[in-house]
Amino acid sequence: MHRRSAALRYFLDTEYNGVGGALLSLALVPDDGDDFYLTLKTDEPISEWVGQHVIPYMDMVPEPLSCPRLSRDDAAKELEHYLRHDEEPLIVADWPEDVAQFCNLLITGPGDMVELRHLTFRLTPMSNFSTAANSKVPHNALHDARAFRDHVLSME
């Protein structure tokens, strides 16, 4: 495992079951390095829109990023494992619900959270840019996070 730079940004995207609904998938795409993608199990009934526009595309990711649906606990552990080598990860999102879903995943029980410290979040709304419209696979968290990263990098 390589040590990541303290200045590294991770572009975040999530898919979830409607506003405030269960987290279904999460992706972090760094400035440089290995992408992170996971999908979660849910017992919650899937909304019609999510069933049509998200669920069919969740597994459309390249190897080795495809993975089985994880429990919330296992997903939290995987996220911790991915980020724990970075002393000060900067999580960049274009939508507040993505940050909320990410933060909720960090919580593993009453008064318990994964072992991550010094997380910083930056909300960068893209009023004239749609990640889904510019994504290779719209409404897939990994492809949307890559489109978001590529757009931000192209503006710098």
N, C-alpha and C. Protein backbone atom coordinates (compact mmCIF):
# COMPACT_ATOMS: atom_id res chain seq x y z
N MET A 1 0.84 -1.18 0.00
CA MET A 1 0.00 0.00 0.00
C MET A 1 0.89 1.24 0.00
N HIS A 2 0.59 2.18 -0.87
CA HIS A 2 1.40 3.38 -0.93
C HIS A 2 0.81 4.47 -0.05
N ARG A 3 1.65 5.33 0.45
CA ARG A 3 1.22 6.44 1.29
C ARG A 3 0.77 7.57 0.38
N ARG A 4 -0.36 8.14 0.67
CA ARG A 4 -0.90 9.20 -0.16
C ARG A 4 -0.45 10.57 0.37
N SER A 5 -0.35 11.50 -0.49
CA SER A 5 0.04 12.86 -0.15
C SER A 5 -1.03 13.52 0.71
N ALA A 6 -0.60 14.37 1.64
CA ALA A 6 -1.54 15.08 2.51
C ALA A 6 -2.40 16.06 1.72
N ALA A 7 -1.94 16.48 0.55
CA ALA A 7 -2.68 17.47 -0.24
C ALA A 7 -3.63 16.83 -1.24
N LEU A 8 -3.78 15.52 -1.20
CA LEU A 8 -4.59 14.83 -2.19
C LEU A 8 -6.09 15.08 -1.98
N ARG A 9 -6.76 15.39 -3.09
CA ARG A 9 -8.21 15.53 -3.07
C ARG A 9 -8.85 14.24 -3.54
N TYR A 10 -10.01 13.95 -2.98
CA TYR A 10 -10.81 12.80 -3.38
C TYR A 10 -12.16 13.34 -3.81
N PHE A 11 -12.51 13.12 -5.07
CA PHE A 11 -13.78 13.58 -5.59
C PHE A 11 -14.84 12.53 -5.29
N LEU A 12 -15.89 12.94 -4.64
CA LEU A 12 -16.91 12.06 -4.09
C LEU A 12 -18.18 12.10 -4.92
N ASP A 13 -18.76 10.93 -5.11
CA ASP A 13 -20.13 10.84 -5.61
C ASP A 13 -20.79 9.66 -4.94
N THR A 14 -22.08 9.77 -4.70
CA THR A 14 -22.85 8.69 -4.11
C THR A 14 -24.14 8.51 -4.89
N GLU A 15 -24.69 7.34 -4.77
CA GLU A 15 -26.05 7.08 -5.25
C GLU A 15 -26.82 6.57 -4.04
N TYR A 16 -28.05 7.01 -3.92
CA TYR A 16 -28.86 6.67 -2.76
C TYR A 16 -30.31 6.58 -3.18
N ASN A 17 -31.10 5.99 -2.31
CA ASN A 17 -32.48 5.67 -2.63
C ASN A 17 -33.41 6.86 -2.39
N GLY A 18 -33.26 7.89 -3.21
CA GLY A 18 -34.07 9.09 -3.04
C GLY A 18 -33.53 9.96 -1.91
N VAL A 19 -33.99 11.19 -1.82
CA VAL A 19 -33.50 12.13 -0.81
C VAL A 19 -33.64 11.53 0.58
N GLY A 20 -32.52 11.44 1.28
CA GLY A 20 -32.52 10.89 2.63
C GLY A 20 -32.62 9.38 2.69
N GLY A 21 -32.66 8.73 1.54
CA GLY A 21 -32.78 7.27 1.49
C GLY A 21 -31.46 6.57 1.73
N ALA A 22 -31.51 5.26 1.74
CA ALA A 22 -30.33 4.44 2.01
C ALA A 22 -29.24 4.67 0.97
N LEU A 23 -28.00 4.67 1.44
CA LEU A 23 -26.84 4.75 0.56
C LEU A 23 -26.75 3.45 -0.24
N LEU A 24 -26.60 3.59 -1.55
CA LEU A 24 -26.51 2.43 -2.44
C LEU A 24 -25.11 2.22 -2.98
N SER A 25 -24.40 3.32 -3.27
CA SER A 25 -23.03 3.20 -3.76
C SER A 25 -22.27 4.49 -3.44
N LEU A 26 -20.95 4.35 -3.37
CA LEU A 26 -20.09 5.48 -3.04
C LEU A 26 -18.79 5.31 -3.81
N ALA A 27 -18.31 6.43 -4.35
CA ALA A 27 -17.04 6.43 -5.07
C ALA A 27 -16.20 7.61 -4.63
N LEU A 28 -14.90 7.36 -4.52
CA LEU A 28 -13.90 8.41 -4.30
C LEU A 28 -12.88 8.28 -5.42
N VAL A 29 -12.65 9.37 -6.12
CA VAL A 29 -11.69 9.39 -7.22
C VAL A 29 -10.65 10.45 -6.89
N PRO A 30 -9.42 10.01 -6.59
CA PRO A 30 -8.39 10.98 -6.19
C PRO A 30 -7.81 11.73 -7.38
N ASP A 31 -7.12 12.84 -7.05
CA ASP A 31 -6.36 13.56 -8.08
C ASP A 31 -5.45 12.59 -8.81
N ASP A 32 -4.81 11.72 -8.04
CA ASP A 32 -3.85 10.77 -8.58
C ASP A 32 -3.87 9.55 -7.68
N GLY A 33 -3.98 8.38 -8.26
CA GLY A 33 -3.98 7.18 -7.44
C GLY A 33 -5.15 6.28 -7.78
N ASP A 34 -5.40 5.33 -6.90
CA ASP A 34 -6.42 4.31 -7.13
C ASP A 34 -7.81 4.80 -6.75
N ASP A 35 -8.76 4.56 -7.63
CA ASP A 35 -10.16 4.90 -7.34
C ASP A 35 -10.72 3.92 -6.31
N PHE A 36 -11.77 4.36 -5.64
CA PHE A 36 -12.46 3.55 -4.63
C PHE A 36 -13.94 3.52 -4.99
N TYR A 37 -14.52 2.33 -4.94
CA TYR A 37 -15.94 2.18 -5.27
C TYR A 37 -16.52 1.04 -4.45
N LEU A 38 -17.69 1.27 -3.88
CA LEU A 38 -18.38 0.19 -3.19
C LEU A 38 -19.88 0.33 -3.38
N THR A 39 -20.55 -0.80 -3.25
CA THR A 39 -22.01 -0.84 -3.30
C THR A 39 -22.50 -1.48 -2.01
N LEU A 40 -23.69 -1.08 -1.60
CA LEU A 40 -24.22 -1.54 -0.32
C LEU A 40 -25.54 -2.29 -0.50
N LYS A 41 -25.76 -3.21 0.42
CA LYS A 41 -27.04 -3.91 0.51
C LYS A 41 -28.06 -2.96 1.15
N THR A 42 -29.31 -3.13 0.76
CA THR A 42 -30.38 -2.41 1.45
C THR A 42 -31.63 -3.27 1.46
N ASP A 43 -32.36 -3.19 2.54
CA ASP A 43 -33.66 -3.87 2.64
C ASP A 43 -34.79 -2.90 2.33
N GLU A 44 -34.43 -1.64 2.13
CA GLU A 44 -35.40 -0.58 1.86
C GLU A 44 -36.00 -0.78 0.46
N PRO A 45 -37.31 -0.64 0.31
CA PRO A 45 -37.89 -0.71 -1.04
C PRO A 45 -37.26 0.38 -1.93
N ILE A 46 -36.88 0.01 -3.12
CA ILE A 46 -36.22 0.94 -4.05
C ILE A 46 -37.26 1.80 -4.74
N SER A 47 -37.00 3.12 -4.76
CA SER A 47 -37.93 4.04 -5.42
C SER A 47 -37.96 3.74 -6.92
N GLU A 48 -39.03 4.11 -7.57
CA GLU A 48 -39.19 3.82 -9.00
C GLU A 48 -38.08 4.45 -9.83
N TRP A 49 -37.78 5.74 -9.58
CA TRP A 49 -36.75 6.43 -10.36
C TRP A 49 -35.40 5.76 -10.16
N VAL A 50 -35.03 5.46 -8.93
CA VAL A 50 -33.75 4.81 -8.64
C VAL A 50 -33.70 3.42 -9.28
N GLY A 51 -34.82 2.71 -9.24
CA GLY A 51 -34.90 1.39 -9.87
C GLY A 51 -34.65 1.44 -11.37
N GLN A 52 -35.06 2.53 -12.01
CA GLN A 52 -34.87 2.68 -13.46
C GLN A 52 -33.53 3.28 -13.85
N HIS A 53 -33.02 4.24 -13.04
CA HIS A 53 -31.87 5.03 -13.46
C HIS A 53 -30.57 4.76 -12.72
N VAL A 54 -30.63 4.03 -11.61
CA VAL A 54 -29.41 3.79 -10.82
C VAL A 54 -29.08 2.30 -10.73
N ILE A 55 -30.02 1.51 -10.24
CA ILE A 55 -29.77 0.09 -9.97
C ILE A 55 -29.21 -0.66 -11.19
N PRO A 56 -29.75 -0.45 -12.40
CA PRO A 56 -29.21 -1.21 -13.55
C PRO A 56 -27.75 -0.89 -13.89
N TYR A 57 -27.23 0.24 -13.38
CA TYR A 57 -25.89 0.69 -13.76
C TYR A 57 -24.87 0.60 -12.64
N MET A 58 -25.27 0.14 -11.47
CA MET A 58 -24.37 0.11 -10.32
C MET A 58 -23.16 -0.80 -10.53
N ASP A 59 -23.32 -1.87 -11.26
CA ASP A 59 -22.22 -2.82 -11.45
C ASP A 59 -21.41 -2.56 -12.72
N MET A 60 -21.68 -1.46 -13.39
CA MET A 60 -20.97 -1.14 -14.64
C MET A 60 -19.68 -0.39 -14.33
N VAL A 61 -18.74 -1.10 -13.69
CA VAL A 61 -17.44 -0.54 -13.34
C VAL A 61 -16.37 -1.53 -13.78
N PRO A 62 -15.18 -1.02 -14.07
CA PRO A 62 -14.09 -1.92 -14.50
C PRO A 62 -13.56 -2.77 -13.35
N GLU A 63 -13.02 -3.93 -13.70
CA GLU A 63 -12.30 -4.73 -12.71
C GLU A 63 -11.06 -3.93 -12.33
N PRO A 64 -10.56 -3.97 -11.17
CA PRO A 64 -10.98 -4.78 -10.02
C PRO A 64 -11.95 -4.05 -9.10
N LEU A 65 -12.62 -3.00 -9.60
CA LEU A 65 -13.48 -2.19 -8.73
C LEU A 65 -14.86 -2.80 -8.51
N SER A 66 -15.26 -3.76 -9.34
CA SER A 66 -16.55 -4.37 -9.11
C SER A 66 -16.48 -5.21 -7.84
N CYS A 67 -17.55 -5.19 -7.07
CA CYS A 67 -17.54 -5.89 -5.79
C CYS A 67 -18.97 -6.29 -5.43
N PRO A 68 -19.09 -7.25 -4.53
CA PRO A 68 -20.43 -7.62 -4.08
C PRO A 68 -21.03 -6.51 -3.21
N ARG A 69 -22.32 -6.51 -3.05
CA ARG A 69 -22.99 -5.56 -2.16
C ARG A 69 -22.53 -5.83 -0.73
N LEU A 70 -22.14 -4.77 -0.03
CA LEU A 70 -21.62 -4.89 1.32
C LEU A 70 -22.65 -4.42 2.35
N SER A 71 -22.52 -4.93 3.56
CA SER A 71 -23.30 -4.39 4.67
C SER A 71 -22.74 -3.00 4.99
N ARG A 72 -23.49 -2.18 5.73
CA ARG A 72 -22.98 -0.85 6.11
C ARG A 72 -21.69 -0.98 6.92
N ASP A 73 -21.64 -1.94 7.84
CA ASP A 73 -20.43 -2.11 8.65
C ASP A 73 -19.22 -2.45 7.78
N ASP A 74 -19.39 -3.38 6.86
CA ASP A 74 -18.28 -3.76 5.98
C ASP A 74 -17.89 -2.60 5.06
N ALA A 75 -18.88 -1.84 4.58
CA ALA A 75 -18.59 -0.68 3.73
C ALA A 75 -17.80 0.37 4.51
N ALA A 76 -18.17 0.60 5.76
CA ALA A 76 -17.45 1.56 6.61
C ALA A 76 -16.01 1.12 6.81
N LYS A 77 -15.80 -0.17 7.03
CA LYS A 77 -14.43 -0.69 7.20
C LYS A 77 -13.61 -0.54 5.92
N GLU A 78 -14.22 -0.78 4.78
CA GLU A 78 -13.51 -0.62 3.50
C GLU A 78 -13.13 0.84 3.28
N LEU A 79 -14.03 1.75 3.60
CA LEU A 79 -13.75 3.18 3.46
C LEU A 79 -12.60 3.58 4.38
N GLU A 80 -12.65 3.12 5.61
CA GLU A 80 -11.57 3.40 6.56
C GLU A 80 -10.23 2.86 6.02
N HIS A 81 -10.24 1.65 5.54
CA HIS A 81 -9.02 1.03 5.01
C HIS A 81 -8.45 1.85 3.84
N TYR A 82 -9.32 2.33 2.98
CA TYR A 82 -8.87 3.09 1.81
C TYR A 82 -8.23 4.42 2.20
N LEU A 83 -8.83 5.12 3.17
CA LEU A 83 -8.36 6.46 3.52
C LEU A 83 -7.35 6.53 4.65
N ARG A 84 -7.17 5.47 5.40
CA ARG A 84 -6.36 5.57 6.62
C ARG A 84 -4.89 5.87 6.35
N HIS A 85 -4.40 5.71 5.15
CA HIS A 85 -3.00 5.99 4.83
C HIS A 85 -2.78 7.45 4.45
N ASP A 86 -3.83 8.22 4.39
CA ASP A 86 -3.74 9.64 4.07
C ASP A 86 -3.95 10.41 5.37
N GLU A 87 -2.98 11.24 5.73
CA GLU A 87 -3.05 11.96 7.00
C GLU A 87 -4.13 13.03 7.03
N GLU A 88 -4.42 13.65 5.89
CA GLU A 88 -5.40 14.73 5.84
C GLU A 88 -6.18 14.71 4.53
N PRO A 89 -7.03 13.71 4.33
CA PRO A 89 -7.78 13.66 3.07
C PRO A 89 -8.75 14.83 2.93
N LEU A 90 -8.81 15.35 1.72
CA LEU A 90 -9.77 16.41 1.38
C LEU A 90 -10.82 15.78 0.48
N ILE A 91 -12.05 15.73 0.98
CA ILE A 91 -13.17 15.13 0.25
C ILE A 91 -13.92 16.27 -0.45
N VAL A 92 -14.01 16.20 -1.77
CA VAL A 92 -14.64 17.25 -2.56
C VAL A 92 -15.93 16.70 -3.17
N ALA A 93 -17.02 17.41 -2.95
CA ALA A 93 -18.33 16.98 -3.48
C ALA A 93 -19.02 18.15 -4.16
N ASP A 94 -19.93 17.82 -5.07
CA ASP A 94 -20.70 18.87 -5.74
C ASP A 94 -22.14 18.94 -5.24
N TRP A 95 -22.49 18.08 -4.28
CA TRP A 95 -23.87 18.05 -3.79
C TRP A 95 -23.86 17.72 -2.30
N PRO A 96 -24.63 18.46 -1.47
CA PRO A 96 -24.59 18.25 -0.01
C PRO A 96 -24.99 16.85 0.43
N GLU A 97 -25.91 16.21 -0.27
CA GLU A 97 -26.34 14.87 0.13
C GLU A 97 -25.19 13.87 0.03
N ASP A 98 -24.26 14.09 -0.91
CA ASP A 98 -23.09 13.21 -1.01
C ASP A 98 -22.26 13.27 0.27
N VAL A 99 -22.05 14.48 0.78
CA VAL A 99 -21.30 14.65 2.03
C VAL A 99 -22.05 14.01 3.19
N ALA A 100 -23.36 14.22 3.24
CA ALA A 100 -24.17 13.63 4.32
C ALA A 100 -24.11 12.11 4.29
N GLN A 101 -24.23 11.52 3.11
CA GLN A 101 -24.16 10.06 2.99
C GLN A 101 -22.78 9.54 3.39
N PHE A 102 -21.73 10.23 2.97
CA PHE A 102 -20.37 9.86 3.34
C PHE A 102 -20.22 9.89 4.86
N CYS A 103 -20.62 10.99 5.47
CA CYS A 103 -20.48 11.13 6.93
C CYS A 103 -21.31 10.09 7.68
N ASN A 104 -22.50 9.81 7.22
CA ASN A 104 -23.33 8.79 7.87
C ASN A 104 -22.67 7.42 7.81
N LEU A 105 -21.95 7.14 6.73
CA LEU A 105 -21.27 5.85 6.62
C LEU A 105 -20.13 5.72 7.63
N LEU A 106 -19.55 6.84 8.04
CA LEU A 106 -18.47 6.81 9.03
C LEU A 106 -18.95 6.34 10.40
N ILE A 107 -20.23 6.50 10.68
CA ILE A 107 -20.79 6.14 11.99
C ILE A 107 -21.09 4.64 12.01
N THR A 108 -20.47 3.94 12.96
CA THR A 108 -20.62 2.48 13.03
C THR A 108 -21.51 2.02 14.18
N GLY A 109 -21.91 2.92 15.04
CA GLY A 109 -22.78 2.58 16.16
C GLY A 109 -22.93 3.77 17.07
N PRO A 110 -23.73 3.66 18.11
CA PRO A 110 -23.91 4.78 19.04
C PRO A 110 -22.57 5.21 19.64
N GLY A 111 -22.15 6.41 19.33
CA GLY A 111 -20.90 6.94 19.84
C GLY A 111 -19.65 6.35 19.20
N ASP A 112 -19.80 5.57 18.14
CA ASP A 112 -18.66 4.93 17.47
C ASP A 112 -18.56 5.35 16.01
N MET A 113 -17.33 5.48 15.57
CA MET A 113 -17.08 5.79 14.15
C MET A 113 -15.80 5.09 13.73
N VAL A 114 -15.58 5.03 12.43
CA VAL A 114 -14.34 4.45 11.91
C VAL A 114 -13.16 5.30 12.37
N GLU A 115 -11.97 4.73 12.29
CA GLU A 115 -10.75 5.40 12.75
C GLU A 115 -10.16 6.28 11.65
N LEU A 116 -10.77 7.41 11.43
CA LEU A 116 -10.24 8.41 10.50
C LEU A 116 -10.18 9.74 11.22
N ARG A 117 -9.13 10.48 11.00
CA ARG A 117 -8.98 11.79 11.63
C ARG A 117 -8.64 12.83 10.58
N HIS A 118 -8.91 14.06 10.90
CA HIS A 118 -8.52 15.20 10.08
C HIS A 118 -9.12 15.18 8.68
N LEU A 119 -10.35 14.72 8.57
CA LEU A 119 -11.05 14.81 7.28
C LEU A 119 -11.46 16.25 7.05
N THR A 120 -11.31 16.69 5.83
CA THR A 120 -11.78 18.01 5.44
C THR A 120 -12.72 17.82 4.25
N PHE A 121 -13.80 18.60 4.25
CA PHE A 121 -14.78 18.52 3.16
C PHE A 121 -14.84 19.86 2.45
N ARG A 122 -14.98 19.80 1.14
CA ARG A 122 -15.18 21.00 0.34
C ARG A 122 -16.40 20.75 -0.55
N LEU A 123 -17.40 21.60 -0.39
CA LEU A 123 -18.58 21.53 -1.25
C LEU A 123 -18.36 22.51 -2.40
N THR A 124 -18.38 21.97 -3.62
CA THR A 124 -18.12 22.76 -4.82
C THR A 124 -19.28 22.56 -5.79
N PRO A 125 -20.40 23.28 -5.54
CA PRO A 125 -21.54 23.12 -6.45
C PRO A 125 -21.18 23.52 -7.87
N MET A 126 -21.64 22.74 -8.82
CA MET A 126 -21.36 22.98 -10.23
C MET A 126 -22.66 23.36 -10.92
N SER A 127 -23.04 24.63 -10.84
CA SER A 127 -24.33 25.07 -11.36
C SER A 127 -24.45 24.91 -12.87
N ASN A 128 -23.35 24.97 -13.60
CA ASN A 128 -23.40 24.85 -15.06
C ASN A 128 -22.82 23.54 -15.56
N PHE A 129 -22.75 22.53 -14.68
CA PHE A 129 -22.16 21.25 -15.05
C PHE A 129 -22.97 20.13 -14.42
N SER A 130 -23.30 19.14 -15.21
CA SER A 130 -24.02 17.97 -14.71
C SER A 130 -23.09 16.77 -14.78
N THR A 131 -22.80 16.16 -13.62
CA THR A 131 -21.94 14.98 -13.64
C THR A 131 -22.60 13.87 -14.45
N ALA A 132 -23.90 13.67 -14.26
CA ALA A 132 -24.59 12.60 -14.98
C ALA A 132 -24.54 12.82 -16.49
N ALA A 133 -24.72 14.06 -16.94
CA ALA A 133 -24.71 14.35 -18.38
C ALA A 133 -23.32 14.18 -18.98
N ASN A 134 -22.28 14.27 -18.16
CA ASN A 134 -20.91 14.16 -18.66
C ASN A 134 -20.23 12.85 -18.27
N SER A 135 -20.97 11.97 -17.68
CA SER A 135 -20.46 10.70 -17.20
C SER A 135 -20.54 9.64 -18.29
N LYS A 136 -19.57 8.71 -18.30
CA LYS A 136 -19.63 7.60 -19.24
C LYS A 136 -20.80 6.67 -18.93
N VAL A 137 -21.13 6.54 -17.66
CA VAL A 137 -22.29 5.74 -17.22
C VAL A 137 -23.07 6.60 -16.23
N PRO A 138 -24.05 7.39 -16.71
CA PRO A 138 -24.79 8.28 -15.82
C PRO A 138 -25.41 7.56 -14.64
N HIS A 139 -25.37 8.22 -13.49
CA HIS A 139 -25.94 7.73 -12.24
C HIS A 139 -25.23 6.48 -11.72
N ASN A 140 -23.98 6.33 -12.12
CA ASN A 140 -23.08 5.36 -11.51
C ASN A 140 -22.07 6.20 -10.74
N ALA A 141 -21.96 5.98 -9.43
CA ALA A 141 -21.15 6.85 -8.58
C ALA A 141 -19.70 6.95 -9.05
N LEU A 142 -19.11 5.85 -9.50
CA LEU A 142 -17.71 5.89 -9.94
C LEU A 142 -17.55 6.76 -11.18
N HIS A 143 -18.37 6.52 -12.17
CA HIS A 143 -18.25 7.28 -13.41
C HIS A 143 -18.62 8.75 -13.21
N ASP A 144 -19.61 9.01 -12.36
CA ASP A 144 -19.97 10.40 -12.07
C ASP A 144 -18.85 11.12 -11.31
N ALA A 145 -18.19 10.44 -10.35
CA ALA A 145 -17.08 11.04 -9.62
C ALA A 145 -15.91 11.32 -10.56
N ARG A 146 -15.67 10.43 -11.50
CA ARG A 146 -14.61 10.66 -12.49
C ARG A 146 -14.93 11.87 -13.36
N ALA A 147 -16.18 12.00 -13.78
CA ALA A 147 -16.58 13.15 -14.60
C ALA A 147 -16.43 14.45 -13.80
N PHE A 148 -16.80 14.43 -12.54
CA PHE A 148 -16.66 15.59 -11.66
C PHE A 148 -15.18 15.97 -11.52
N ARG A 149 -14.34 14.98 -11.22
CA ARG A 149 -12.90 15.25 -11.10
C ARG A 149 -12.34 15.83 -12.40
N ASP A 150 -12.66 15.21 -13.51
CA ASP A 150 -12.12 15.67 -14.80
C ASP A 150 -12.56 17.10 -15.09
N HIS A 151 -13.78 17.43 -14.74
CA HIS A 151 -14.27 18.80 -14.98
C HIS A 151 -13.52 19.80 -14.09
N VAL A 152 -13.38 19.49 -12.82
CA VAL A 152 -12.66 20.39 -11.91
C VAL A 152 -11.21 20.57 -12.37
N LEU A 153 -10.56 19.47 -12.72
CA LEU A 153 -9.17 19.56 -13.17
C LEU A 153 -9.05 20.38 -14.46
N SER A 154 -10.05 20.28 -15.33
CA SER A 154 -9.99 21.05 -16.59
C SER A 154 -10.16 22.55 -16.36
N MET A 155 -10.74 22.93 -15.24
CA MET A 155 -10.92 24.36 -14.93
C MET A 155 -9.72 24.96 -14.20
N GLU A 156 -8.81 24.13 -13.75
CA GLU A 156 -7.66 24.63 -12.98
C GLU A 156 -6.51 25.06 -13.87
